N, C-alpha and C. Protein backbone atom coordinates (compact mmCIF):
# COMPACT_ATOMS: atom_id res chain seq x y z
N MET A 1 6.24 8.58 -19.80
CA MET A 1 6.96 7.36 -19.23
C MET A 1 7.97 7.58 -17.89
N LYS A 2 8.46 7.88 -18.02
CA LYS A 2 9.05 8.25 -16.25
C LYS A 2 8.51 8.11 -15.50
N LYS A 3 7.70 8.95 -15.87
CA LYS A 3 6.76 8.70 -13.76
C LYS A 3 5.79 7.47 -13.69
N TYR A 4 5.38 6.46 -14.93
CA TYR A 4 4.94 5.30 -15.14
C TYR A 4 5.70 4.28 -14.33
N ALA A 5 7.08 4.64 -15.13
CA ALA A 5 8.23 3.55 -14.76
C ALA A 5 8.55 3.88 -13.32
N ALA A 6 8.58 4.71 -12.80
CA ALA A 6 8.86 5.44 -11.43
C ALA A 6 7.81 4.51 -10.89
N GLU A 7 6.48 4.79 -10.92
CA GLU A 7 5.37 4.11 -10.18
C GLU A 7 5.27 2.74 -10.28
N PHE A 8 5.58 1.65 -11.08
CA PHE A 8 5.95 0.45 -11.47
C PHE A 8 7.11 0.12 -10.41
N ILE A 9 8.24 0.65 -10.52
CA ILE A 9 9.12 0.37 -9.40
C ILE A 9 9.38 0.86 -7.81
N GLY A 10 8.62 1.62 -8.01
CA GLY A 10 7.98 1.99 -6.51
C GLY A 10 7.06 0.92 -5.95
N THR A 11 6.36 0.44 -6.46
CA THR A 11 5.37 -0.50 -6.26
C THR A 11 5.79 -1.75 -5.95
N PHE A 12 6.87 -1.96 -6.74
CA PHE A 12 7.36 -3.46 -6.84
C PHE A 12 8.35 -3.37 -5.54
N ILE A 13 9.10 -2.53 -5.55
CA ILE A 13 9.93 -2.04 -4.11
C ILE A 13 9.24 -2.55 -2.82
N LEU A 14 7.78 -1.76 -2.98
CA LEU A 14 7.10 -1.55 -1.63
C LEU A 14 6.66 -3.29 -1.36
N VAL A 15 6.11 -3.60 -2.44
CA VAL A 15 5.77 -5.00 -2.42
C VAL A 15 6.74 -6.38 -2.09
N GLY A 16 7.97 -6.27 -3.07
CA GLY A 16 8.73 -6.86 -2.75
C GLY A 16 9.26 -7.11 -1.62
N ILE A 17 9.62 -5.91 -0.70
CA ILE A 17 10.46 -5.67 0.72
C ILE A 17 9.45 -6.47 1.84
N GLY A 18 7.93 -5.85 1.27
CA GLY A 18 7.27 -6.12 2.41
C GLY A 18 6.74 -7.53 2.23
N GLY A 19 6.39 -7.92 1.40
CA GLY A 19 6.32 -9.33 1.13
C GLY A 19 7.31 -10.20 1.26
N LEU A 20 9.00 -10.22 1.40
CA LEU A 20 9.76 -11.09 1.70
C LEU A 20 9.90 -11.18 2.98
N SER A 21 10.01 -9.68 3.71
CA SER A 21 9.60 -9.48 5.01
C SER A 21 8.57 -10.39 6.00
N VAL A 22 7.17 -10.71 5.46
CA VAL A 22 6.57 -11.43 6.12
C VAL A 22 6.84 -12.90 5.80
N VAL A 23 7.00 -13.37 4.59
CA VAL A 23 7.84 -14.83 4.03
C VAL A 23 8.72 -14.98 5.11
N ALA A 24 9.78 -14.24 5.36
CA ALA A 24 11.01 -14.51 6.34
C ALA A 24 10.64 -14.88 7.58
N ALA A 25 9.82 -14.20 7.76
CA ALA A 25 9.44 -14.23 9.64
C ALA A 25 8.62 -15.44 9.60
N VAL A 26 7.42 -15.49 8.87
CA VAL A 26 6.75 -17.33 8.82
C VAL A 26 7.90 -18.63 8.60
N GLU A 27 8.99 -17.76 7.77
CA GLU A 27 10.02 -19.54 7.73
C GLU A 27 10.87 -19.86 8.50
N HIS A 28 11.01 -18.74 9.78
CA HIS A 28 11.74 -18.96 11.05
C HIS A 28 10.68 -18.91 11.92
N ASP A 29 9.43 -19.20 11.95
CA ASP A 29 8.50 -19.17 12.82
C ASP A 29 7.97 -18.10 13.93
N MET A 30 8.37 -17.06 13.14
CA MET A 30 7.86 -15.92 13.96
C MET A 30 6.87 -15.29 13.46
N SER A 31 6.49 -14.70 14.28
CA SER A 31 5.20 -13.48 13.98
C SER A 31 5.41 -12.57 13.17
N PRO A 32 4.55 -12.20 12.21
CA PRO A 32 4.79 -11.71 10.66
C PRO A 32 4.23 -9.97 11.47
N LEU A 33 4.27 -10.23 12.27
CA LEU A 33 3.06 -9.10 13.11
C LEU A 33 4.57 -7.96 12.29
N VAL A 34 5.58 -7.77 13.15
CA VAL A 34 6.70 -6.92 13.58
C VAL A 34 7.40 -6.79 11.88
N PRO A 35 7.90 -8.15 11.75
CA PRO A 35 8.81 -7.86 10.47
C PRO A 35 7.75 -6.96 9.49
N GLY A 36 6.31 -7.63 8.98
CA GLY A 36 5.86 -7.32 8.32
C GLY A 36 6.04 -5.58 8.10
N ALA A 37 5.27 -5.27 9.52
CA ALA A 37 4.80 -3.60 9.60
C ALA A 37 6.29 -3.07 8.82
N PHE A 38 7.23 -3.35 9.14
CA PHE A 38 8.33 -2.73 9.16
C PHE A 38 9.05 -3.06 7.88
N GLY A 39 8.84 -3.92 7.45
CA GLY A 39 8.95 -4.51 5.85
C GLY A 39 8.12 -3.40 4.94
N PHE A 40 7.03 -3.41 5.36
CA PHE A 40 5.99 -2.42 3.91
C PHE A 40 6.17 -1.48 4.78
N GLY A 41 6.84 -0.51 5.65
CA GLY A 41 6.87 0.95 6.09
C GLY A 41 8.43 0.96 5.55
N LEU A 42 9.49 0.47 6.09
CA LEU A 42 10.30 0.94 4.75
C LEU A 42 10.86 0.49 3.63
N GLY A 43 10.08 -0.63 3.20
CA GLY A 43 9.79 -0.92 1.80
C GLY A 43 9.53 0.50 0.78
N LEU A 44 8.65 0.92 1.60
CA LEU A 44 7.56 2.30 1.03
C LEU A 44 8.76 3.70 1.24
N MET A 45 9.22 3.68 2.14
CA MET A 45 10.25 4.59 2.64
C MET A 45 11.43 4.55 1.57
N ALA A 46 11.89 3.27 1.17
CA ALA A 46 13.05 2.97 0.10
C ALA A 46 12.40 3.87 -1.22
N ALA A 47 11.12 3.23 -1.36
CA ALA A 47 10.54 3.68 -2.80
C ALA A 47 10.60 4.83 -2.79
N ILE A 48 10.15 6.10 -2.11
CA ILE A 48 9.54 6.84 -1.86
C ILE A 48 11.32 7.58 -2.25
N TRP A 49 12.16 7.49 -1.68
CA TRP A 49 13.61 7.68 -1.69
C TRP A 49 14.33 7.35 -3.28
N ALA A 50 14.16 6.69 -3.43
CA ALA A 50 13.88 6.11 -4.92
C ALA A 50 13.80 6.97 -5.86
N VAL A 51 12.69 6.11 -6.31
CA VAL A 51 11.58 7.06 -7.18
C VAL A 51 10.62 8.02 -6.98
N GLY A 52 10.21 8.29 -5.69
CA GLY A 52 8.90 9.34 -5.85
C GLY A 52 9.73 10.57 -6.24
N HIS A 53 10.68 10.91 -6.23
CA HIS A 53 10.84 12.34 -7.01
C HIS A 53 10.95 12.72 -8.35
N VAL A 54 10.57 11.48 -9.20
CA VAL A 54 9.77 11.15 -10.39
C VAL A 54 8.32 11.49 -10.86
N SER A 55 7.75 10.56 -9.27
CA SER A 55 6.32 10.80 -9.94
C SER A 55 5.46 11.30 -8.77
N GLY A 56 5.99 11.79 -7.77
CA GLY A 56 5.28 12.12 -6.84
C GLY A 56 5.43 10.99 -5.60
N GLY A 57 5.59 9.51 -5.96
CA GLY A 57 5.52 8.66 -5.06
C GLY A 57 4.03 8.22 -4.78
N HIS A 58 3.21 7.45 -5.62
CA HIS A 58 1.86 7.37 -5.28
C HIS A 58 2.05 6.01 -4.89
N PHE A 59 2.51 5.09 -5.70
CA PHE A 59 2.33 3.85 -5.48
C PHE A 59 1.32 3.08 -4.51
N ASN A 60 0.06 3.53 -4.67
CA ASN A 60 -1.33 3.54 -4.51
C ASN A 60 -2.08 3.71 -4.77
N PRO A 61 -2.96 2.82 -5.28
CA PRO A 61 -4.41 3.47 -6.54
C PRO A 61 -5.31 4.16 -5.52
N ALA A 62 -5.16 4.16 -4.33
CA ALA A 62 -6.18 4.65 -3.44
C ALA A 62 -5.65 6.33 -3.12
N VAL A 63 -4.17 6.20 -3.59
CA VAL A 63 -3.57 7.71 -3.34
C VAL A 63 -3.48 8.59 -4.16
N THR A 64 -3.28 7.93 -5.47
CA THR A 64 -3.59 8.33 -6.67
C THR A 64 -5.40 8.83 -7.02
N LEU A 65 -6.31 8.45 -6.52
CA LEU A 65 -7.97 8.88 -6.41
C LEU A 65 -7.13 9.53 -5.69
N ALA A 66 -6.97 10.08 -4.18
CA ALA A 66 -7.04 11.42 -3.58
C ALA A 66 -6.23 12.43 -4.49
N MET A 67 -5.30 11.72 -4.75
CA MET A 67 -4.31 13.17 -5.61
C MET A 67 -5.24 13.36 -6.79
N VAL A 68 -6.17 12.87 -7.70
CA VAL A 68 -6.68 13.42 -8.93
C VAL A 68 -8.32 14.39 -8.19
N LEU A 69 -8.46 13.76 -6.96
CA LEU A 69 -9.57 14.39 -6.39
C LEU A 69 -8.94 16.16 -5.77
N ASP A 70 -7.51 15.88 -5.46
CA ASP A 70 -6.86 17.40 -4.91
C ASP A 70 -6.70 17.74 -5.92
N ARG A 71 -6.86 17.66 -7.41
CA ARG A 71 -6.44 18.36 -8.42
C ARG A 71 -4.71 18.57 -8.48
N ARG A 72 -4.38 17.47 -7.83
CA ARG A 72 -2.80 17.49 -7.82
C ARG A 72 -1.92 16.52 -9.45
N THR A 73 -3.19 15.51 -9.57
CA THR A 73 -2.52 14.41 -10.18
C THR A 73 -4.18 14.63 -11.64
N GLY A 74 -3.56 14.59 -12.79
CA GLY A 74 -4.51 14.42 -13.71
C GLY A 74 -5.36 13.45 -13.93
N VAL A 75 -6.53 12.80 -14.53
CA VAL A 75 -7.00 11.78 -14.94
C VAL A 75 -5.98 10.60 -15.48
N GLY A 76 -5.81 11.51 -17.51
CA GLY A 76 -4.59 10.87 -17.62
C GLY A 76 -3.80 10.24 -16.95
N ASP A 77 -3.30 10.69 -16.42
CA ASP A 77 -1.80 10.14 -15.53
C ASP A 77 -2.43 8.77 -14.68
N ALA A 78 -3.16 9.45 -13.84
CA ALA A 78 -3.65 8.15 -13.07
C ALA A 78 -3.84 7.31 -13.53
N VAL A 79 -4.32 6.97 -14.61
CA VAL A 79 -4.67 5.79 -15.27
C VAL A 79 -3.32 4.73 -15.74
N GLY A 80 -2.62 5.90 -15.95
CA GLY A 80 -0.91 5.67 -16.16
C GLY A 80 -0.48 4.83 -15.25
N TYR A 81 -0.99 6.03 -14.01
CA TYR A 81 -0.14 5.18 -12.35
C TYR A 81 -0.56 3.93 -12.28
N VAL A 82 -2.33 4.13 -12.28
CA VAL A 82 -2.67 2.57 -11.63
C VAL A 82 -2.29 1.49 -12.94
N VAL A 83 -1.98 1.64 -13.40
CA VAL A 83 -1.98 0.55 -14.24
C VAL A 83 -0.45 -0.05 -13.96
N ALA A 84 0.64 1.15 -13.56
CA ALA A 84 1.87 0.77 -13.43
C ALA A 84 2.51 -0.12 -12.32
N GLN A 85 1.42 0.78 -11.33
CA GLN A 85 0.90 0.28 -9.73
C GLN A 85 0.99 -1.43 -9.71
N VAL A 86 -0.29 -1.34 -10.36
CA VAL A 86 -0.89 -3.06 -10.47
C VAL A 86 0.35 -3.87 -11.24
N ALA A 87 1.07 -3.35 -11.84
CA ALA A 87 2.01 -3.99 -12.99
C ALA A 87 3.24 -4.51 -11.93
N GLY A 88 3.70 -3.70 -10.95
CA GLY A 88 4.55 -3.57 -9.93
C GLY A 88 4.25 -4.83 -9.21
N ALA A 89 3.03 -4.46 -8.36
CA ALA A 89 2.59 -5.66 -7.54
C ALA A 89 2.60 -6.44 -7.73
N ILE A 90 2.03 -7.08 -8.95
CA ILE A 90 2.08 -8.79 -9.74
C ILE A 90 3.62 -8.88 -10.00
N VAL A 91 4.29 -8.40 -10.62
CA VAL A 91 5.56 -8.63 -10.74
C VAL A 91 6.34 -9.37 -9.59
N ALA A 92 6.50 -8.38 -8.38
CA ALA A 92 6.93 -8.25 -7.41
C ALA A 92 6.79 -9.65 -6.50
N ALA A 93 4.75 -9.95 -6.64
CA ALA A 93 4.54 -10.86 -5.63
C ALA A 93 4.88 -12.45 -6.56
N TYR A 94 4.99 -12.13 -7.81
CA TYR A 94 5.46 -13.60 -8.47
C TYR A 94 7.34 -13.80 -8.51
N ALA A 95 8.19 -11.89 -8.02
CA ALA A 95 9.76 -12.66 -7.49
C ALA A 95 9.64 -12.99 -6.09
N VAL A 96 8.57 -12.85 -5.29
CA VAL A 96 8.82 -13.09 -3.83
C VAL A 96 8.58 -14.66 -3.96
N VAL A 97 7.71 -14.94 -4.94
CA VAL A 97 7.61 -16.94 -5.20
C VAL A 97 9.10 -17.08 -5.56
N ALA A 98 9.43 -16.57 -6.28
CA ALA A 98 10.68 -17.27 -7.45
C ALA A 98 11.75 -17.16 -6.16
N SER A 99 12.11 -16.24 -5.58
CA SER A 99 13.25 -16.01 -4.79
C SER A 99 13.26 -16.71 -3.79
N THR A 100 11.89 -17.40 -3.14
CA THR A 100 12.16 -18.39 -1.77
C THR A 100 11.88 -19.54 -1.62
N TRP A 101 11.70 -20.57 -1.32
CA TRP A 101 11.95 -22.08 -1.09
C TRP A 101 11.62 -22.35 -0.07
N GLY A 102 11.48 -23.57 0.42
CA GLY A 102 10.83 -24.29 1.07
C GLY A 102 9.36 -24.44 1.73
N GLU A 103 9.29 -24.13 3.26
CA GLU A 103 7.60 -23.10 3.51
C GLU A 103 7.44 -22.14 2.73
N ALA A 104 8.70 -21.44 2.49
CA ALA A 104 8.26 -19.88 1.69
C ALA A 104 7.59 -19.95 0.49
N SER A 105 8.04 -21.24 -0.17
CA SER A 105 6.99 -21.37 -1.41
C SER A 105 5.84 -21.04 -1.80
N GLU A 106 5.28 -21.33 -0.65
CA GLU A 106 3.86 -20.41 -0.26
C GLU A 106 3.72 -19.12 -0.17
N ALA A 107 4.80 -18.84 -0.49
CA ALA A 107 4.77 -16.95 0.05
C ALA A 107 3.78 -16.26 -0.74
N ALA A 108 2.92 -16.91 -2.21
CA ALA A 108 2.39 -16.01 -2.27
C ALA A 108 1.20 -15.80 -1.59
N THR A 109 0.55 -17.01 -0.47
CA THR A 109 -0.47 -16.78 -0.07
C THR A 109 -0.29 -16.32 1.58
N PHE A 110 1.00 -16.67 1.97
CA PHE A 110 1.48 -16.02 3.05
C PHE A 110 1.18 -14.38 2.71
N ILE A 111 1.21 -13.54 2.01
CA ILE A 111 1.38 -12.30 1.90
C ILE A 111 -0.11 -11.90 1.45
N ASN A 112 -1.17 -12.94 1.20
CA ASN A 112 -2.39 -12.50 0.71
C ASN A 112 -2.96 -12.10 1.54
N ASN A 113 -4.00 -11.12 1.45
CA ASN A 113 -4.84 -10.40 2.39
C ASN A 113 -6.32 -11.33 2.39
N SER A 114 -6.48 -11.47 3.42
CA SER A 114 -7.91 -11.93 4.01
C SER A 114 -8.70 -11.24 5.07
N PRO A 115 -9.97 -12.02 5.04
CA PRO A 115 -10.73 -11.37 6.05
C PRO A 115 -10.64 -11.74 7.38
N GLY A 116 -10.57 -13.41 7.40
CA GLY A 116 -10.64 -14.54 8.22
C GLY A 116 -11.67 -14.94 7.68
N MET A 117 -12.50 -15.07 8.67
CA MET A 117 -13.81 -15.76 8.41
C MET A 117 -15.00 -15.14 7.70
N GLN A 118 -15.70 -15.55 6.96
CA GLN A 118 -16.40 -15.31 5.87
C GLN A 118 -17.63 -13.92 7.08
N ASP A 119 -17.77 -14.38 8.01
CA ASP A 119 -18.92 -13.67 8.76
C ASP A 119 -17.82 -12.10 9.30
N GLU A 120 -16.40 -11.83 9.00
CA GLU A 120 -15.75 -10.87 9.40
C GLU A 120 -15.73 -9.92 8.28
N VAL A 121 -16.05 -9.85 7.27
CA VAL A 121 -15.84 -8.98 6.00
C VAL A 121 -15.96 -8.04 6.38
N GLY A 122 -17.36 -7.78 6.90
CA GLY A 122 -17.72 -6.22 7.01
C GLY A 122 -16.71 -5.69 7.59
N ALA A 123 -16.14 -6.24 9.22
CA ALA A 123 -15.76 -5.47 10.09
C ALA A 123 -14.02 -5.68 9.17
N ALA A 124 -13.77 -6.19 8.33
CA ALA A 124 -12.35 -6.11 7.50
C ALA A 124 -12.92 -4.59 7.04
N PHE A 125 -13.43 -4.82 5.71
CA PHE A 125 -13.77 -3.48 5.25
C PHE A 125 -13.70 -2.55 6.01
N LEU A 126 -14.68 -2.06 6.90
CA LEU A 126 -14.34 -0.85 8.06
C LEU A 126 -12.90 -0.54 8.63
N LEU A 127 -11.95 -1.38 8.74
CA LEU A 127 -10.86 -1.53 9.51
C LEU A 127 -9.91 -0.99 8.49
N GLU A 128 -9.97 -1.76 7.01
CA GLU A 128 -9.48 -0.92 5.88
C GLU A 128 -9.63 0.58 5.49
N VAL A 129 -11.05 0.73 5.59
CA VAL A 129 -11.00 1.80 5.27
C VAL A 129 -10.63 3.47 6.03
N ILE A 130 -10.87 2.97 7.73
CA ILE A 130 -10.49 3.90 8.32
C ILE A 130 -9.00 3.74 8.13
N LEU A 131 -8.30 2.85 8.11
CA LEU A 131 -6.48 2.78 7.88
C LEU A 131 -6.73 3.81 7.06
N THR A 132 -7.06 3.46 5.89
CA THR A 132 -6.30 3.97 4.55
C THR A 132 -6.98 5.42 4.68
N ALA A 133 -7.97 5.83 5.28
CA ALA A 133 -8.57 6.95 5.29
C ALA A 133 -7.08 7.98 6.38
N ILE A 134 -7.13 7.41 7.27
CA ILE A 134 -5.54 7.97 8.37
C ILE A 134 -4.54 7.88 7.40
N PHE A 135 -4.09 7.22 6.65
CA PHE A 135 -2.75 6.57 5.92
C PHE A 135 -2.62 7.67 4.67
N VAL A 136 -3.87 7.81 4.10
CA VAL A 136 -3.98 9.03 3.18
C VAL A 136 -3.87 10.47 3.41
N THR A 137 -4.85 11.01 4.65
CA THR A 137 -4.93 11.83 5.09
C THR A 137 -3.28 12.77 5.43
N VAL A 138 -2.74 11.44 6.05
CA VAL A 138 -1.36 11.84 6.41
C VAL A 138 -0.45 12.19 5.04
N ILE A 139 -1.06 11.71 4.28
CA ILE A 139 0.23 11.76 2.71
C ILE A 139 -0.50 12.87 2.58
N LEU A 140 -2.04 13.39 2.05
CA LEU A 140 -2.32 14.57 1.51
C LEU A 140 -2.09 16.06 2.48
N ILE A 141 -1.59 15.67 3.48
CA ILE A 141 -1.92 16.98 4.91
C ILE A 141 0.12 17.19 4.56
N SER A 142 0.74 15.86 4.97
CA SER A 142 2.38 16.46 5.21
C SER A 142 3.03 16.59 3.85
N THR A 143 2.47 16.43 2.78
CA THR A 143 2.80 16.56 1.25
C THR A 143 2.54 17.96 1.10
N LYS A 144 2.04 18.83 1.64
CA LYS A 144 1.69 19.87 1.85
C LYS A 144 1.88 20.91 3.03
N THR A 145 2.32 20.44 3.76
CA THR A 145 2.57 21.38 5.25
C THR A 145 4.26 20.84 5.37
N ASP A 146 4.47 19.93 4.98
CA ASP A 146 6.01 19.10 5.64
C ASP A 146 6.67 18.72 4.42
N PRO A 147 6.71 19.18 3.39
CA PRO A 147 7.25 18.07 2.35
C PRO A 147 8.61 17.51 2.16
N LYS A 148 9.14 17.93 2.83
CA LYS A 148 10.80 17.77 3.44
C LYS A 148 10.71 16.46 4.22
N ARG A 149 9.97 16.45 5.05
CA ARG A 149 9.77 15.13 6.41
C ARG A 149 8.84 14.33 5.78
N ALA A 150 8.03 14.69 4.88
CA ALA A 150 6.46 13.81 4.49
C ALA A 150 7.12 12.10 4.40
N GLY A 151 8.30 11.92 3.77
CA GLY A 151 8.41 10.69 3.24
C GLY A 151 8.62 9.73 4.24
N LEU A 152 9.34 10.36 5.74
CA LEU A 152 9.57 9.41 6.94
C LEU A 152 8.20 8.98 7.36
N VAL A 153 7.39 10.83 7.73
CA VAL A 153 5.67 10.37 8.39
C VAL A 153 5.15 9.60 7.74
N ILE A 154 4.89 9.33 6.34
CA ILE A 154 4.18 8.75 5.72
C ILE A 154 4.74 7.45 6.10
N SER A 155 5.63 6.65 5.63
CA SER A 155 6.22 5.59 6.48
C SER A 155 6.00 5.05 7.50
N PHE A 156 6.61 5.62 8.39
CA PHE A 156 6.10 5.31 9.58
C PHE A 156 4.71 5.15 9.76
N THR A 157 3.56 5.71 9.22
CA THR A 157 2.29 6.11 9.29
C THR A 157 1.83 4.62 9.07
N LEU A 158 2.40 4.12 7.47
CA LEU A 158 2.18 2.61 7.29
C LEU A 158 2.75 2.07 7.84
N VAL A 159 4.00 2.07 8.50
CA VAL A 159 4.29 1.01 9.97
C VAL A 159 3.28 0.64 10.91
N ALA A 160 2.93 2.19 11.40
CA ALA A 160 1.75 1.82 12.30
C ALA A 160 0.23 1.14 11.95
N ALA A 161 -0.28 1.40 10.59
CA ALA A 161 -1.33 0.68 9.97
C ALA A 161 -1.33 -0.96 9.84
N HIS A 162 0.05 -1.13 9.86
CA HIS A 162 0.36 -2.67 9.63
C HIS A 162 0.29 -3.33 11.24
N LEU A 163 0.90 -2.27 12.31
CA LEU A 163 0.90 -2.98 13.44
C LEU A 163 -0.56 -2.82 13.87
N ALA A 164 -1.38 -2.36 13.30
CA ALA A 164 -2.72 -2.36 14.25
C ALA A 164 -3.74 -3.38 13.50
N SER A 165 -3.06 -3.54 12.26
CA SER A 165 -4.34 -4.57 11.60
C SER A 165 -3.76 -5.89 11.10
N ILE A 166 -2.42 -6.15 10.73
CA ILE A 166 -1.80 -7.63 10.27
C ILE A 166 -2.53 -8.56 10.94
N PRO A 167 -2.67 -8.66 12.29
CA PRO A 167 -3.37 -10.16 12.82
C PRO A 167 -5.32 -9.97 11.97
N PHE A 168 -5.88 -9.20 11.76
CA PHE A 168 -6.65 -9.21 11.35
C PHE A 168 -7.04 -9.33 9.66
N THR A 169 -6.27 -8.52 8.83
CA THR A 169 -6.72 -8.51 7.57
C THR A 169 -5.22 -8.82 6.90
N GLY A 170 -4.32 -8.45 7.35
CA GLY A 170 -2.74 -8.54 6.57
C GLY A 170 -2.48 -7.37 6.43
N THR A 171 -3.16 -6.55 6.19
CA THR A 171 -3.11 -4.90 6.06
C THR A 171 -2.88 -4.97 4.47
N SER A 172 -4.23 -3.96 3.71
CA SER A 172 -3.67 -3.62 2.23
C SER A 172 -3.63 -2.12 2.97
N VAL A 173 -4.44 -1.40 2.80
CA VAL A 173 -4.80 -0.01 2.80
C VAL A 173 -3.71 0.44 0.93
N ASN A 174 -4.14 -0.82 0.52
CA ASN A 174 -3.83 -0.41 -1.15
C ASN A 174 -3.86 -1.65 -2.31
N PRO A 175 -4.51 -1.07 -3.09
CA PRO A 175 -5.36 -1.93 -3.84
C PRO A 175 -4.40 -3.07 -4.61
N ALA A 176 -3.12 -2.39 -5.16
CA ALA A 176 -1.93 -3.02 -5.87
C ALA A 176 -1.15 -3.86 -4.66
N ARG A 177 -1.40 -3.96 -3.81
CA ARG A 177 -0.63 -4.16 -2.79
C ARG A 177 -1.22 -5.84 -2.14
N SER A 178 -2.63 -5.40 -2.59
CA SER A 178 -3.58 -6.71 -2.53
C SER A 178 -3.76 -7.58 -3.76
N LEU A 179 -3.90 -7.33 -5.15
CA LEU A 179 -4.18 -7.63 -6.52
C LEU A 179 -2.90 -8.56 -6.55
N GLY A 180 -1.61 -8.04 -6.45
CA GLY A 180 -0.56 -8.73 -6.89
C GLY A 180 -0.30 -10.07 -6.23
N PRO A 181 -0.33 -10.24 -5.17
CA PRO A 181 -0.20 -11.63 -4.05
C PRO A 181 -1.93 -12.50 -4.52
N ALA A 182 -2.64 -11.96 -4.71
CA ALA A 182 -3.78 -12.61 -4.59
C ALA A 182 -4.13 -13.30 -6.24
N ILE A 183 -3.27 -12.67 -7.22
CA ILE A 183 -3.13 -13.47 -8.65
C ILE A 183 -2.16 -14.27 -8.50
N ALA A 184 -1.18 -14.02 -7.96
CA ALA A 184 0.08 -15.00 -7.52
C ALA A 184 -0.27 -16.30 -6.83
N ALA A 185 -0.94 -15.97 -6.13
CA ALA A 185 -1.46 -17.15 -5.19
C ALA A 185 -2.86 -17.33 -5.60
N GLY A 186 -3.51 -17.07 -7.02
CA GLY A 186 -4.98 -17.79 -7.51
C GLY A 186 -5.84 -17.69 -6.38
N ALA A 187 -5.64 -16.94 -5.00
CA ALA A 187 -6.45 -16.14 -4.13
C ALA A 187 -7.45 -15.07 -4.40
N TYR A 188 -8.75 -15.56 -4.88
CA TYR A 188 -9.48 -14.13 -5.28
C TYR A 188 -11.21 -14.27 -4.39
N GLU A 189 -10.92 -14.68 -2.89
CA GLU A 189 -11.94 -14.58 -2.05
C GLU A 189 -12.03 -13.74 -1.72
N SER A 190 -13.28 -12.85 -1.58
CA SER A 190 -13.13 -11.32 -1.00
C SER A 190 -12.11 -10.29 -0.99
N LEU A 191 -11.79 -10.82 -2.01
CA LEU A 191 -10.64 -9.87 -2.89
C LEU A 191 -11.14 -8.19 -3.17
N TRP A 192 -12.48 -8.45 -3.33
CA TRP A 192 -13.08 -7.21 -3.27
C TRP A 192 -12.89 -5.99 -2.10
N VAL A 193 -12.98 -6.77 -1.08
CA VAL A 193 -12.88 -6.13 0.39
C VAL A 193 -11.96 -4.85 0.22
N PHE A 194 -10.36 -5.84 0.02
CA PHE A 194 -9.10 -5.26 -0.24
C PHE A 194 -9.02 -4.21 -1.81
N LEU A 195 -9.81 -4.10 -2.72
CA LEU A 195 -9.83 -3.45 -3.70
C LEU A 195 -11.06 -2.29 -3.70
N VAL A 196 -11.87 -2.18 -3.15
CA VAL A 196 -12.94 -1.90 -2.84
C VAL A 196 -12.86 -0.56 -1.30
N ALA A 197 -12.37 -0.89 -0.55
CA ALA A 197 -12.64 -0.63 1.06
C ALA A 197 -11.28 0.79 0.74
N PRO A 198 -9.96 0.36 0.11
CA PRO A 198 -8.93 1.34 0.53
C PRO A 198 -9.23 2.72 -0.89
N LEU A 199 -10.40 2.43 -1.83
CA LEU A 199 -10.71 3.77 -2.22
C LEU A 199 -11.53 4.44 -1.72
N VAL A 200 -12.64 3.73 -1.26
CA VAL A 200 -13.38 4.26 -0.23
C VAL A 200 -12.90 5.06 0.97
N GLY A 201 -11.57 4.55 1.21
CA GLY A 201 -10.38 5.26 2.19
C GLY A 201 -10.09 6.62 1.90
N GLY A 202 -9.46 6.31 0.40
CA GLY A 202 -9.23 7.28 -0.43
C GLY A 202 -9.75 8.57 -0.31
N VAL A 203 -11.03 8.22 -0.36
CA VAL A 203 -12.02 8.90 -0.69
C VAL A 203 -12.47 9.92 0.73
N LEU A 204 -12.52 9.47 1.61
CA LEU A 204 -12.81 9.77 2.75
C LEU A 204 -11.55 11.12 3.52
N ALA A 205 -10.24 10.47 3.12
CA ALA A 205 -8.92 11.15 3.19
C ALA A 205 -9.05 12.61 2.77
N TRP A 206 -9.88 12.31 1.53
CA TRP A 206 -9.42 13.79 0.67
C TRP A 206 -10.66 14.81 1.22
N VAL A 207 -11.99 13.97 2.10
CA VAL A 207 -12.94 14.71 2.37
C VAL A 207 -12.45 15.53 3.88
N ILE A 208 -11.68 14.58 4.40
CA ILE A 208 -11.17 14.92 5.63
C ILE A 208 -10.07 16.16 5.21
N ALA A 209 -9.01 16.46 4.96
CA ALA A 209 -8.20 17.12 3.90
C ALA A 209 -9.27 18.63 3.53
N GLN A 210 -9.98 18.38 3.29
CA GLN A 210 -10.73 19.26 2.44
C GLN A 210 -11.19 20.30 3.77
N VAL A 211 -11.55 19.29 4.58
CA VAL A 211 -12.36 20.23 6.04
C VAL A 211 -10.98 21.08 6.78
N VAL A 212 -9.66 20.15 6.82
CA VAL A 212 -8.83 21.12 7.74
C VAL A 212 -7.94 21.78 6.53
N LYS A 213 -7.89 21.86 5.40
CA LYS A 213 -7.68 23.10 4.24
C LYS A 213 -6.08 23.39 4.87
N PRO A 214 -5.37 22.29 5.01
CA PRO A 214 -3.67 22.64 5.08
C PRO A 214 -3.28 23.71 4.69
N ALA A 215 -2.15 24.71 4.96
CA ALA A 215 -1.98 25.73 3.55
C ALA A 215 -0.50 24.76 3.11
N ALA A 216 -0.11 25.09 2.05
CA ALA A 216 1.03 24.79 1.68
C ALA A 216 2.60 25.40 2.37
N SER A 217 3.44 24.61 2.51
CA SER A 217 4.98 24.58 2.99
C SER A 217 5.37 25.95 2.11
N ASP A 218 6.42 26.80 2.84
CA ASP A 218 6.99 27.32 2.00
C ASP A 218 8.25 26.78 2.01
N ALA A 219 9.10 25.69 2.71
CA ALA A 219 9.89 24.94 3.04
C ALA A 219 10.50 24.58 1.68
């Protein structure tokens, strides 16, 4: 249960800090690009350092799927992890809404993922697959080759992913991160893109890791 609690807490930290960063930017008439990118990236870093040592620090169903394929996580634990991640994201999204005011009362809408116009769904799907594949590949490889510094590399890779795609999709690369705000906002249009694409990206990352076949670090 400690592992599941850690996944809940870590995902709450990730979505809570990231979401509040976006809301704060919007409230002050700023572009959410940089605040959102660093909010989610540094939120992940905080989560990894706080509870990552307990569960392995997935905080993302796409990461958990890749870890199952890589035989680092059992199927039973994976189910518990995903339930905890989704619950953490939902609670975080509602916490963001409850703790903000003014224009930010629409916080869940501000942090909800969207592919833009309906005819951009295909592009959004492809972008989320590519960025998730990059992000999860970094996780799979860095945690084997350089586990001591993996947390930093992983967190700043998430920053880079957000800088690359916030203007286009709001950046998901994490089904739980998308589902929480969608439920809080009551906005489910095209949600499937942000649930399915990151999982496809997670599988692709595992395939890439098999090709690279990194050796475990002795550090």
